[in-house]
Amino acid sequence: GSRMKITLKLHAKLSECLPAEARNSGTLALDVDSGATVASLIAQFNVPPNLCHLVLIDGVFVPPAARATRMLAEGETLTIWPPVAGG
């Protein structure tokens, strides 16, 4: 299959799931199979699904029910926030 470039951003504690070189920025440029879904990327990086509180693609909220079917497209940015205490 074909490949595409996307950006993965993991915030707060979730950045610990990223490779060492990406932890400071919390941002990782990825080359993934086209057809990769939000859920497949979460699984690939062993991000605990219960900590994926807020999932956004290019700033648009992806509800939990859609994560298994929402496929990413070339150039999109997947951003995941854990539940954050306080403001």
C-alpha atoms as a PDB file:
ATOM      1  CA  GLY A   1       0.000   0.000   0.000  1.00  0.00           C
ATOM      2  CA  SER A   2       0.961   3.623  -0.208  1.00  0.00           C
ATOM      3  CA  ARG A   3       2.454   5.682   2.583  1.00  0.00           C
ATOM      4  CA  MET A   4       1.606   9.144   3.834  1.00  0.00           C
ATOM      5  CA  LYS A   5       3.136  11.694   6.126  1.00  0.00           C
ATOM      6  CA  ILE A   6       1.225  12.836   9.188  1.00  0.00           C
ATOM      7  CA  THR A   7       2.139  14.548  12.455  1.00  0.00           C
ATOM      8  CA  LEU A   8       1.429  13.051  15.869  1.00  0.00           C
ATOM      9  CA  LYS A   9       1.273  15.365  18.883  1.00  0.00           C
ATOM     10  CA  LEU A  10       1.001  13.886  22.365  1.00  0.00           C
ATOM     11  CA  HIS A  11       0.554  16.370  25.187  1.00  0.00           C
ATOM     12  CA  ALA A  12       1.426  16.334  28.883  1.00  0.00           C
ATOM     13  CA  LYS A  13       2.063  12.869  30.302  1.00  0.00           C
ATOM     14  CA  LEU A  14       1.270  11.165  26.994  1.00  0.00           C
ATOM     15  CA  SER A  15       4.499  12.474  25.467  1.00  0.00           C
ATOM     16  CA  GLU A  16       6.236   9.684  27.412  1.00  0.00           C
ATOM     17  CA  CYS A  17       4.821   7.291  24.781  1.00  0.00           C
ATOM     18  CA  LEU A  18       6.930   8.948  22.086  1.00  0.00           C
ATOM     19  CA  PRO A  19      10.488   8.008  21.139  1.00  0.00           C
ATOM     20  CA  ALA A  20      13.087   9.793  23.285  1.00  0.00           C
ATOM     21  CA  GLU A  21      13.993  12.376  20.642  1.00  0.00           C
ATOM     22  CA  ALA A  22      10.376  13.512  20.328  1.00  0.00           C
ATOM     23  CA  ARG A  23       9.500  13.774  24.009  1.00  0.00           C
ATOM     24  CA  ASN A  24      10.575  17.375  24.569  1.00  0.00           C
ATOM     25  CA  SER A  25       8.492  18.741  21.719  1.00  0.00           C
ATOM     26  CA  GLY A  26       5.737  16.162  22.047  1.00  0.00           C
ATOM     27  CA  THR A  27       5.602  16.172  18.249  1.00  0.00           C
ATOM     28  CA  LEU A  28       6.569  13.389  15.877  1.00  0.00           C
ATOM     29  CA  ALA A  29       6.502  13.396  12.084  1.00  0.00           C
ATOM     30  CA  LEU A  30       5.336   9.976  10.949  1.00  0.00           C
ATOM     31  CA  ASP A  31       5.336   7.948   7.789  1.00  0.00           C
ATOM     32  CA  VAL A  32       2.305   5.661   8.062  1.00  0.00           C
ATOM     33  CA  ASP A  33       0.327   3.328   5.834  1.00  0.00           C
ATOM     34  CA  SER A  34      -2.527   5.050   4.096  1.00  0.00           C
ATOM     35  CA  GLY A  35      -5.624   3.782   5.812  1.00  0.00           C
ATOM     36  CA  ALA A  36      -4.126   4.217   9.282  1.00  0.00           C
ATOM     37  CA  THR A  37      -6.851   5.126  11.752  1.00  0.00           C
ATOM     38  CA  VAL A  38      -6.803   7.129  14.955  1.00  0.00           C
ATOM     39  CA  ALA A  39      -7.168   3.883  16.927  1.00  0.00           C
ATOM     40  CA  SER A  40      -4.364   2.119  15.057  1.00  0.00           C
ATOM     41  CA  LEU A  41      -1.944   4.958  15.815  1.00  0.00           C
ATOM     42  CA  ILE A  42      -2.972   4.997  19.470  1.00  0.00           C
ATOM     43  CA  ALA A  43      -2.243   1.260  19.583  1.00  0.00           C
ATOM     44  CA  GLN A  44       1.040   1.584  17.681  1.00  0.00           C
ATOM     45  CA  PHE A  45       2.436   3.928  20.328  1.00  0.00           C
ATOM     46  CA  ASN A  46       0.899   2.013  23.235  1.00  0.00           C
ATOM     47  CA  VAL A  47      -1.015   5.062  24.381  1.00  0.00           C
ATOM     48  CA  PRO A  48      -3.505   3.904  27.041  1.00  0.00           C
ATOM     49  CA  PRO A  49      -6.927   4.470  25.422  1.00  0.00           C
ATOM     50  CA  ASN A  50      -8.398   5.565  28.755  1.00  0.00           C
ATOM     51  CA  LEU A  51      -5.895   8.440  28.749  1.00  0.00           C
ATOM     52  CA  CYS A  52      -6.916   9.635  25.271  1.00  0.00           C
ATOM     53  CA  HIS A  53      -9.281  12.197  26.679  1.00  0.00           C
ATOM     54  CA  LEU A  54      -9.301  14.700  23.833  1.00  0.00           C
ATOM     55  CA  VAL A  55      -8.463  13.556  20.308  1.00  0.00           C
ATOM     56  CA  LEU A  56      -8.230  16.112  17.511  1.00  0.00           C
ATOM     57  CA  ILE A  57      -7.400  15.945  13.826  1.00  0.00           C
ATOM     58  CA  ASP A  58      -6.309  19.354  12.566  1.00  0.00           C
ATOM     59  CA  GLY A  59      -8.123  20.856  15.530  1.00  0.00           C
ATOM     60  CA  VAL A  60     -11.401  18.997  14.951  1.00  0.00           C
ATOM     61  CA  PHE A  61     -12.652  16.761  17.783  1.00  0.00           C
ATOM     62  CA  VAL A  62     -12.839  13.034  17.039  1.00  0.00           C
ATOM     63  CA  PRO A  63     -15.369  11.362  19.384  1.00  0.00           C
ATOM     64  CA  PRO A  64     -14.377   8.013  20.945  1.00  0.00           C
ATOM     65  CA  ALA A  65     -16.874   6.121  18.771  1.00  0.00           C
ATOM     66  CA  ALA A  66     -15.213   7.380  15.596  1.00  0.00           C
ATOM     67  CA  ARG A  67     -11.595   6.627  16.510  1.00  0.00           C
ATOM     68  CA  ALA A  68     -11.586   3.106  15.080  1.00  0.00           C
ATOM     69  CA  THR A  69     -12.934   4.222  11.709  1.00  0.00           C
ATOM     70  CA  ARG A  70     -11.570   7.760  11.220  1.00  0.00           C
ATOM     71  CA  MET A  71      -8.698   7.393   8.770  1.00  0.00           C
ATOM     72  CA  LEU A  72      -5.964   9.956   8.569  1.00  0.00           C
ATOM     73  CA  ALA A  73      -5.048  11.703   5.341  1.00  0.00           C
ATOM     74  CA  GLU A  74      -1.755  13.027   4.039  1.00  0.00           C
ATOM     75  CA  GLY A  75      -0.575  16.062   5.981  1.00  0.00           C
ATOM     76  CA  GLU A  76      -3.066  15.832   8.837  1.00  0.00           C
ATOM     77  CA  THR A  77      -2.063  16.328  12.470  1.00  0.00           C
ATOM     78  CA  LEU A  78      -3.370  13.980  15.148  1.00  0.00           C
ATOM     79  CA  THR A  79      -3.308  15.607  18.586  1.00  0.00           C
ATOM     80  CA  ILE A  80      -4.093  13.743  21.789  1.00  0.00           C
ATOM     81  CA  TRP A  81      -4.549  15.226  25.248  1.00  0.00           C
ATOM     82  CA  PRO A  82      -4.867  13.243  28.475  1.00  0.00           C
ATOM     83  CA  PRO A  83      -7.433  14.275  31.104  1.00  0.00           C
ATOM     84  CA  VAL A  84      -5.860  17.420  32.570  1.00  0.00           C
ATOM     85  CA  ALA A  85      -6.494  18.555  36.117  1.00  0.00           C
ATOM     86  CA  GLY A  86      -7.029  22.255  36.666  1.00  0.00           C
ATOM     87  CA  GLY A  87      -6.938  25.030  34.067  1.00  0.00           C
END
